[in-house]
N, C-alpha and C. Protein backbone atom coordinates (compact mmCIF):
# COMPACT_ATOMS: atom_id res chain seq x y z
N SER A 1 -8.76 -9.80 -11.50
CA SER A 1 -7.53 -10.73 -11.14
C SER A 1 -7.44 -9.87 -9.71
N SER A 2 -6.94 -10.61 -9.45
CA SER A 2 -5.88 -10.94 -7.32
C SER A 2 -4.72 -11.60 -7.07
N ARG A 3 -4.81 -9.77 -6.46
CA ARG A 3 -2.91 -10.31 -6.02
C ARG A 3 -2.33 -10.97 -4.87
N VAL A 4 -1.59 -11.38 -5.83
CA VAL A 4 -1.12 -13.28 -5.04
C VAL A 4 0.39 -12.88 -4.29
N SER A 5 1.06 -13.15 -2.71
CA SER A 5 1.74 -13.29 -2.76
C SER A 5 2.77 -14.82 -2.09
N PRO A 6 4.14 -14.65 -2.38
CA PRO A 6 4.53 -16.01 -1.89
C PRO A 6 4.77 -15.70 -0.97
N THR A 7 4.38 -16.80 0.70
CA THR A 7 3.84 -17.12 1.62
C THR A 7 5.27 -17.70 2.59
N GLN A 8 5.86 -17.37 3.45
CA GLN A 8 7.09 -17.65 3.88
C GLN A 8 6.82 -18.24 5.32
N LEU A 9 6.78 -19.53 5.98
CA LEU A 9 6.64 -19.52 7.43
C LEU A 9 7.64 -19.69 8.16
N ALA A 10 8.34 -19.94 9.15
CA ALA A 10 9.42 -20.64 10.09
C ALA A 10 8.63 -20.79 11.07
N CYS A 11 8.44 -22.10 11.74
CA CYS A 11 8.93 -22.56 12.16
C CYS A 11 9.12 -24.30 13.31
N PRO A 12 9.49 -24.44 13.76
CA PRO A 12 9.92 -25.73 14.79
C PRO A 12 9.11 -26.57 13.98
N LEU A 13 9.74 -28.00 13.80
CA LEU A 13 9.99 -28.93 13.33
C LEU A 13 8.90 -30.06 14.85
N ASP A 14 8.90 -30.00 15.14
CA ASP A 14 7.59 -30.43 16.19
C ASP A 14 6.72 -29.84 16.54
N LEU A 15 6.14 -28.93 15.44
CA LEU A 15 4.66 -28.04 15.30
C LEU A 15 3.88 -29.28 14.44
N GLY A 16 4.65 -30.04 13.30
CA GLY A 16 4.08 -30.90 12.29
C GLY A 16 4.81 -30.20 11.23
N CYS A 17 4.47 -29.37 10.47
CA CYS A 17 4.93 -28.79 9.53
C CYS A 17 5.75 -29.00 8.82
N HIS A 18 5.66 -28.79 7.50
CA HIS A 18 6.34 -29.92 6.38
C HIS A 18 6.79 -29.17 5.81
N SER A 19 7.94 -29.20 5.27
CA SER A 19 8.62 -28.07 4.62
C SER A 19 9.20 -28.80 3.09
N VAL A 20 9.70 -27.26 2.21
CA VAL A 20 10.29 -27.41 1.64
C VAL A 20 11.88 -27.71 1.47
N GLU A 21 13.06 -26.70 2.61
CA GLU A 21 13.59 -26.42 3.06
C GLU A 21 14.24 -26.58 4.88
N GLN A 22 14.96 -26.92 5.34
CA GLN A 22 15.60 -26.74 6.74
C GLN A 22 16.61 -25.11 7.09
N ARG A 23 16.22 -24.49 7.79
CA ARG A 23 17.13 -24.00 8.26
C ARG A 23 18.33 -24.15 8.87
N PRO A 24 19.82 -24.31 7.73
CA PRO A 24 20.81 -24.58 8.17
C PRO A 24 21.32 -24.64 9.61
N GLY A 25 21.50 -25.54 11.00
CA GLY A 25 22.00 -24.63 11.84
C GLY A 25 20.04 -24.60 12.68
N THR A 26 19.34 -25.01 12.83
CA THR A 26 18.49 -24.80 13.25
C THR A 26 17.42 -25.75 13.35
N PRO A 27 16.72 -25.62 14.21
CA PRO A 27 15.58 -26.55 14.23
C PRO A 27 14.38 -26.11 13.32
N LEU A 28 13.89 -24.78 12.85
CA LEU A 28 13.52 -24.38 12.56
C LEU A 28 13.22 -24.61 10.78
N TYR A 29 11.87 -24.83 10.51
CA TYR A 29 12.05 -25.19 9.00
C TYR A 29 11.07 -23.85 7.54
N ASN A 30 11.92 -23.84 6.75
CA ASN A 30 10.80 -22.85 5.46
C ASN A 30 9.48 -23.08 4.97
N ILE A 31 8.47 -22.85 4.63
CA ILE A 31 6.97 -23.47 3.95
C ILE A 31 7.61 -22.52 3.16
N LYS A 32 7.63 -22.68 1.70
CA LYS A 32 6.57 -21.09 0.98
C LYS A 32 5.92 -22.02 -0.02
N ALA A 33 4.60 -20.93 -0.42
CA ALA A 33 3.45 -21.29 -0.37
C ALA A 33 3.12 -20.27 -1.25
N TYR A 34 2.13 -20.91 -2.07
CA TYR A 34 1.06 -18.79 -3.26
C TYR A 34 -0.11 -18.25 -1.96
N LEU A 35 -0.06 -17.95 -1.59
CA LEU A 35 -1.68 -17.42 -0.49
C LEU A 35 -1.82 -16.24 -1.47
N PRO A 36 -3.67 -16.11 -1.42
CA PRO A 36 -3.72 -15.35 -2.49
C PRO A 36 -4.75 -14.08 -0.99
N VAL A 37 -4.04 -13.14 -1.44
CA VAL A 37 -4.25 -12.03 0.05
C VAL A 37 -5.37 -11.60 -0.04
N MET A 38 -6.61 -12.16 -1.12
CA MET A 38 -7.84 -11.29 0.33
C MET A 38 -8.23 -12.80 0.51
N GLU A 39 -6.89 -13.32 0.73
CA GLU A 39 -7.64 -14.82 2.01
C GLU A 39 -6.72 -14.63 2.86
N SER A 40 -5.60 -13.84 2.43
CA SER A 40 -4.75 -13.80 3.78
C SER A 40 -5.04 -12.56 5.22
N PHE A 41 -6.04 -11.90 5.40
CA PHE A 41 -6.10 -11.36 6.28
C PHE A 41 -7.03 -11.87 7.38
N GLY A 42 -6.25 -11.61 8.31
CA GLY A 42 -6.40 -12.31 10.01
C GLY A 42 -5.49 -14.19 9.74
N PHE A 43 -4.97 -13.98 9.01
CA PHE A 43 -3.75 -15.94 8.74
C PHE A 43 -2.80 -15.73 10.16
N THR A 44 -2.41 -14.29 10.66
CA THR A 44 -0.88 -14.24 11.50
C THR A 44 -1.53 -14.72 12.09
N ALA A 45 -2.48 -13.89 12.83
CA ALA A 45 -3.44 -14.23 13.96
C ALA A 45 -4.28 -15.71 14.24
N VAL A 46 -4.37 -16.41 13.10
CA VAL A 46 -4.71 -17.78 12.96
C VAL A 46 -3.86 -19.06 13.49
N LEU A 47 -2.34 -18.41 12.30
CA LEU A 47 -1.39 -18.92 12.85
C LEU A 47 -0.37 -18.86 13.97
N ARG A 48 -0.46 -17.97 14.70
CA ARG A 48 0.17 -18.21 15.51
C ARG A 48 -0.89 -18.04 17.09
N ALA A 49 -1.64 -18.46 16.21
CA ALA A 49 -2.14 -18.67 18.22
C ALA A 49 -2.30 -19.87 18.02
N ALA A 50 -2.51 -20.80 16.82
CA ALA A 50 -2.27 -22.50 16.56
C ALA A 50 -0.65 -22.65 16.69
N THR A 51 0.04 -21.24 16.78
CA THR A 51 1.47 -22.72 16.84
C THR A 51 2.41 -21.50 18.11
N ALA A 52 0.58 -21.19 19.13
CA ALA A 52 1.26 -20.84 20.90
C ALA A 52 2.45 -19.60 20.05
N GLY A 53 2.46 -19.52 18.64
CA GLY A 53 3.57 -17.70 18.36
C GLY A 53 4.72 -18.13 17.88
N GLN A 54 5.07 -19.58 17.75
CA GLN A 54 6.20 -19.25 17.36
C GLN A 54 6.18 -20.18 16.27
N ALA A 55 5.40 -19.84 15.16
CA ALA A 55 5.61 -19.80 14.14
C ALA A 55 5.10 -18.05 13.52
N PHE A 56 5.84 -17.49 12.49
CA PHE A 56 5.62 -16.09 11.72
C PHE A 56 5.58 -16.68 10.64
N PRO A 57 4.76 -15.80 9.82
CA PRO A 57 4.49 -15.55 8.43
C PRO A 57 5.29 -14.13 7.54
N GLN A 58 5.43 -14.64 6.46
CA GLN A 58 6.51 -13.04 6.22
C GLN A 58 5.69 -13.63 4.65
N SER A 59 4.94 -11.91 4.41
CA SER A 59 4.28 -11.90 2.35
C SER A 59 5.21 -10.95 2.02
N VAL A 60 5.56 -10.86 0.53
CA VAL A 60 5.68 -10.24 0.68
C VAL A 60 4.70 -9.93 -1.32
N PHE A 61 4.66 -8.66 -1.84
CA PHE A 61 3.68 -9.64 -2.98
C PHE A 61 4.48 -9.85 -4.63
N ASP A 62 3.87 -11.01 -5.13
CA ASP A 62 4.05 -11.71 -6.34
C ASP A 62 3.46 -11.49 -7.42
N HIS A 63 3.14 -11.64 -7.42
CA HIS A 63 2.71 -11.29 -9.13
C HIS A 63 0.74 -11.14 -8.96
N TRP A 64 -0.17 -11.15 -9.91
CA TRP A 64 -1.49 -10.87 -10.00
C TRP A 64 -1.72 -12.21 -10.99
N GLN A 65 -3.08 -12.67 -10.24
CA GLN A 65 -3.96 -14.18 -11.18
C GLN A 65 -4.74 -13.83 -11.17
N GLN A 66 -5.57 -13.40 -12.27
CA GLN A 66 -6.42 -13.25 -12.92
C GLN A 66 -7.66 -14.46 -12.33
N PHE A 67 -8.84 -15.18 -11.40
CA PHE A 67 -9.83 -15.67 -10.77
C PHE A 67 -10.50 -16.12 -12.32
N THR A 68 -10.42 -17.53 -11.67
CA THR A 68 -12.16 -18.63 -12.76
C THR A 68 -13.37 -17.30 -12.43
N GLY A 69 -14.18 -18.27 -13.04
CA GLY A 69 -15.35 -17.90 -12.89
C GLY A 69 -15.97 -16.83 -12.88
N ASN A 70 -17.45 -16.39 -12.88
CA ASN A 70 -17.59 -15.17 -13.50
C ASN A 70 -18.44 -14.72 -12.02
N PRO A 71 -18.02 -13.31 -11.69
CA PRO A 71 -18.47 -12.60 -10.51
C PRO A 71 -20.18 -11.83 -9.89
N LEU A 72 -21.15 -12.87 -11.85
CA LEU A 72 -22.10 -11.44 -11.44
C LEU A 72 -22.67 -13.18 -11.76
N GLU A 73 -22.06 -14.34 -11.35
CA GLU A 73 -22.90 -15.84 -11.39
C GLU A 73 -22.35 -15.61 -9.36
N ALA A 74 -23.76 -16.52 -9.04
CA ALA A 74 -23.55 -16.80 -7.42
C ALA A 74 -23.17 -17.47 -6.93
N GLY A 75 -22.68 -17.82 -6.57
CA GLY A 75 -22.35 -19.36 -5.48
C GLY A 75 -20.64 -19.91 -6.37
N THR A 76 -19.93 -18.53 -7.57
CA THR A 76 -18.37 -19.11 -7.81
C THR A 76 -17.60 -17.89 -6.84
N LYS A 77 -16.39 -18.31 -6.91
CA LYS A 77 -15.53 -17.72 -6.10
C LYS A 77 -15.09 -16.69 -6.41
N ALA A 78 -15.21 -16.43 -7.16
CA ALA A 78 -15.56 -14.83 -8.11
C ALA A 78 -16.46 -13.91 -7.35
N ASN A 79 -17.71 -14.74 -7.24
CA ASN A 79 -18.73 -14.10 -6.89
C ASN A 79 -18.98 -13.50 -4.98
N GLN A 80 -18.30 -14.24 -4.54
CA GLN A 80 -18.29 -14.04 -2.95
C GLN A 80 -17.58 -13.06 -3.36
N ILE A 81 -15.49 -13.38 -3.64
CA ILE A 81 -14.86 -12.08 -3.60
C ILE A 81 -15.95 -10.88 -4.08
N ALA A 82 -16.34 -10.82 -5.05
CA ALA A 82 -17.03 -9.28 -5.52
C ALA A 82 -17.65 -9.16 -4.07
N LEU A 83 -18.67 -10.43 -3.22
CA LEU A 83 -19.54 -9.36 -2.69
C LEU A 83 -19.52 -9.47 -1.67
N ASN A 84 -17.67 -9.69 -0.52
CA ASN A 84 -16.78 -9.65 0.35
C ASN A 84 -15.97 -8.95 0.49
N ILE A 85 -15.44 -7.54 -0.70
CA ILE A 85 -15.12 -6.73 -1.20
C ILE A 85 -16.41 -5.57 -0.22
N ARG A 86 -17.04 -5.74 -1.70
CA ARG A 86 -18.46 -4.68 -1.32
C ARG A 86 -18.88 -5.28 -0.47
N LYS A 87 -18.99 -5.74 0.87
CA LYS A 87 -19.55 -6.07 2.24
C LYS A 87 -18.13 -5.13 3.54
N ARG A 88 -16.94 -5.04 2.90
CA ARG A 88 -15.97 -4.60 3.64
C ARG A 88 -16.06 -2.84 3.37
N LYS A 89 -16.38 -3.00 1.86
CA LYS A 89 -16.03 -1.36 1.47
C LYS A 89 -17.23 -0.49 2.06
N GLY A 90 -18.57 -0.84 2.30
CA GLY A 90 -20.19 -0.54 2.88
C GLY A 90 -20.91 -0.43 1.60
N LEU A 91 -20.41 -1.03 0.53
CA LEU A 91 -21.58 -0.76 -0.43
C LEU A 91 -22.71 -1.96 -0.74
N SER A 92 -23.50 -2.02 -1.39
CA SER A 92 -24.91 -3.25 -0.92
C SER A 92 -24.40 -3.84 -1.13
N ALA A 93 -24.63 -5.09 -0.42
CA ALA A 93 -24.70 -6.33 -1.08
C ALA A 93 -24.78 -7.19 -2.35
N GLU A 94 -26.28 -6.60 -3.15
CA GLU A 94 -26.09 -6.90 -4.19
C GLU A 94 -25.06 -6.11 -5.56
N LEU A 95 -25.06 -7.09 -6.22
CA LEU A 95 -23.64 -6.36 -7.58
C LEU A 95 -24.38 -5.62 -8.69
N PRO A 96 -24.36 -3.76 -9.13
CA PRO A 96 -25.52 -3.52 -9.39
C PRO A 96 -25.44 -4.07 -11.01
N ASP A 97 -27.11 -3.32 -11.32
CA ASP A 97 -27.02 -4.18 -12.93
C ASP A 97 -26.06 -3.22 -14.04
N LEU A 98 -25.18 -3.80 -15.33
CA LEU A 98 -24.49 -2.55 -15.89
C LEU A 98 -25.73 -1.33 -16.44
N ASP A 99 -26.76 -1.52 -16.56
CA ASP A 99 -27.76 -0.29 -17.16
C ASP A 99 -27.55 0.38 -15.98
N ARG A 100 -27.17 0.49 -15.18
CA ARG A 100 -27.54 1.38 -13.65
C ARG A 100 -25.73 2.84 -14.15
N TYR A 101 -24.63 2.13 -14.69
CA TYR A 101 -24.19 3.33 -15.66
C TYR A 101 -23.78 3.75 -16.83
N MET A 102 -25.08 3.11 -18.12
CA MET A 102 -24.67 3.52 -19.57
C MET A 102 -25.71 5.15 -18.73
N ASP A 103 -24.52 6.16 -20.49
CA ASP A 103 -25.36 7.18 -19.90
C ASP A 103 -26.67 7.51 -20.53
N LYS A 104 -27.38 8.19 -19.98
CA LYS A 104 -29.15 8.04 -20.78
C LYS A 104 -29.61 8.98 -20.91
N LEU A 105 -29.35 9.20 -22.40
CA LEU A 105 -29.80 10.78 -22.41
C LEU A 105 -31.58 11.70 -22.49
């Protein structure tokens, strides 16, 4: 399963933001969306660079959501996430066989 955070963005309308609601008395709009935490790394920097620093996100944990697909099947989203986590943690790229964890008497 994966952590999912609701993400709120605030930006001026002239930057092309699509809105759920406008902040009363301001030119700012709030956009609400669910953003998987694993896909949020670097999001703030990209957003601020694309908006010349005028948009800023605020994220808080909301819920866990299970990924569909098999992490052992090459090419699936679950597999790609597992490989990225292993790479980030300095583990070998290939997923270990289950028999590696079985007791051998």
